[in-house]
């Protein structure tokens, strides 16, 4: 089955940390690039960070220095370590490939809520 499954979200106070995980089927994980996206209430979905199969990373300006994306190829899992969380990081977080991000489908996502 071709799918992704996100986990690790929760409720945290501002300044806290969370680690998100994305377990992907082999077909998806073998894509060159995997990314974390988020959709905040009333806003469009945006790219948070992505990572290539070779480990190169890219981050949105709003999370640089606070979030770290990584991948474990043996476990076919992508992680997002989020530190110094802010209320504006509150969103539903998803992982996907760039192609599936355009055409779908999406997983169920994992909710991150940061209280002030």
Protein backbone atom coordinates (compact mmCIF):
# COMPACT_ATOMS: atom_id res chain seq x y z
CA UNK A 1 0.00 0.00 0.00
CA UNK A 2 1.39 3.39 -0.99
CA UNK A 3 0.97 5.72 1.95
CA UNK A 4 2.50 7.94 4.62
CA UNK A 5 1.66 7.98 8.34
CA UNK A 6 2.51 11.01 10.46
CA UNK A 7 2.76 10.93 14.26
CA UNK A 8 4.26 12.75 17.21
CA UNK A 9 2.12 15.85 17.42
CA UNK A 10 0.61 17.19 20.60
CA UNK A 11 0.03 20.15 22.85
CA UNK A 12 3.11 21.98 24.09
CA UNK A 13 3.87 25.31 25.70
CA UNK A 14 5.77 27.98 23.84
CA UNK A 15 9.48 27.25 24.00
CA UNK A 16 8.90 23.52 24.14
CA UNK A 17 9.90 20.77 21.72
CA UNK A 18 8.28 18.00 19.73
CA UNK A 19 9.59 15.36 17.36
CA UNK A 20 7.38 14.36 14.46
CA UNK A 21 7.77 11.09 12.59
CA UNK A 22 6.62 10.09 9.13
CA UNK A 23 6.63 6.42 8.21
CA UNK A 24 6.38 5.99 4.46
CA UNK A 25 5.84 3.05 2.18
CA UNK A 26 8.88 2.04 0.17
CA UNK A 27 7.57 3.50 -3.07
CA UNK A 28 7.16 6.92 -1.49
CA UNK A 29 10.31 6.87 0.61
CA UNK A 30 12.46 6.01 -2.40
CA UNK A 31 11.51 9.35 -3.92
CA UNK A 32 14.49 11.69 -3.98
CA UNK A 33 12.88 14.32 -1.78
CA UNK A 34 10.67 14.05 1.27
CA UNK A 35 9.16 17.10 2.88
CA UNK A 36 7.23 18.27 5.91
CA UNK A 37 4.34 20.64 5.25
CA UNK A 38 1.88 22.36 7.54
CA UNK A 39 -1.51 24.02 7.33
CA UNK A 40 -2.46 26.53 10.00
CA UNK A 41 -6.10 27.48 10.60
CA UNK A 42 -7.30 29.82 7.87
CA UNK A 43 -4.07 29.55 5.90
CA UNK A 44 -2.84 27.59 2.92
CA UNK A 45 -0.57 24.60 3.32
CA UNK A 46 3.11 25.55 3.23
CA UNK A 47 6.42 23.74 2.96
CA UNK A 48 8.28 23.63 6.28
CA UNK A 49 11.38 21.64 5.32
CA UNK A 50 12.55 19.02 2.89
CA UNK A 51 15.41 16.56 2.62
CA UNK A 52 16.93 14.75 -0.34
CA UNK A 53 17.96 11.12 -0.36
CA UNK A 54 21.52 12.37 -0.02
CA UNK A 55 20.71 14.36 3.10
CA UNK A 56 20.60 17.89 1.71
CA UNK A 57 18.05 20.01 3.54
CA UNK A 58 16.04 23.14 2.98
CA UNK A 59 13.95 25.11 5.48
CA UNK A 60 11.31 27.80 5.44
CA UNK A 61 12.69 31.05 6.83
CA UNK A 62 10.20 30.94 9.70
CA UNK A 63 11.66 27.72 11.12
CA UNK A 64 15.38 28.05 10.34
CA UNK A 65 17.49 27.47 13.41
CA UNK A 66 14.59 25.87 15.31
CA UNK A 67 13.54 22.85 13.23
CA UNK A 68 15.69 20.00 11.94
CA UNK A 69 14.61 17.49 9.32
CA UNK A 70 16.28 14.09 9.08
CA UNK A 71 15.65 10.68 7.59
CA UNK A 72 16.39 7.08 8.52
CA UNK A 73 16.59 5.13 5.28
CA UNK A 74 16.59 1.75 7.02
CA UNK A 75 13.33 2.56 8.79
CA UNK A 76 11.87 4.46 5.82
CA UNK A 77 11.05 7.27 8.23
CA UNK A 78 11.45 11.03 8.07
CA UNK A 79 11.65 13.10 11.25
CA UNK A 80 11.08 16.73 12.13
CA UNK A 81 12.67 17.88 15.38
CA UNK A 82 10.98 21.10 16.45
CA UNK A 83 12.57 23.20 19.18
CA UNK A 84 11.68 26.56 20.66
CA UNK A 85 8.13 26.20 19.41
CA UNK A 86 6.00 29.31 19.00
CA UNK A 87 2.22 29.75 18.95
CA UNK A 88 2.44 30.52 15.23
CA UNK A 89 3.77 26.98 14.68
CA UNK A 90 0.31 25.66 15.55
CA UNK A 91 -0.87 23.67 12.53
CA UNK A 92 -1.65 20.29 11.09
CA UNK A 93 1.66 18.83 9.93
CA UNK A 94 1.98 16.48 6.97
CA UNK A 95 4.81 14.73 5.17
CA UNK A 96 4.86 14.06 1.45
CA UNK A 97 6.88 14.09 -1.73
CA UNK A 98 6.87 17.21 -3.91
CA UNK A 99 4.88 15.40 -6.62
CA UNK A 100 2.22 14.12 -4.23
CA UNK A 101 2.12 17.57 -2.63
CA UNK A 102 0.80 18.90 -5.95
CA UNK A 103 -1.48 16.04 -7.02
CA UNK A 104 -2.19 14.26 -3.77
CA UNK A 105 -3.04 12.23 -1.89
CA UNK A 106 -2.14 13.38 1.59
CA UNK A 107 -1.96 11.47 4.84
CA UNK A 108 -4.05 12.38 7.86
CA UNK A 109 -1.35 14.59 9.34
CA UNK A 110 -0.49 15.17 12.98
CA UNK A 111 -1.73 18.15 14.99
CA UNK A 112 0.73 20.45 16.73
CA UNK A 113 -0.69 23.01 19.13
CA UNK A 114 1.56 25.51 20.88
CA UNK A 115 0.10 27.47 23.76
CA UNK A 116 1.41 30.87 24.78
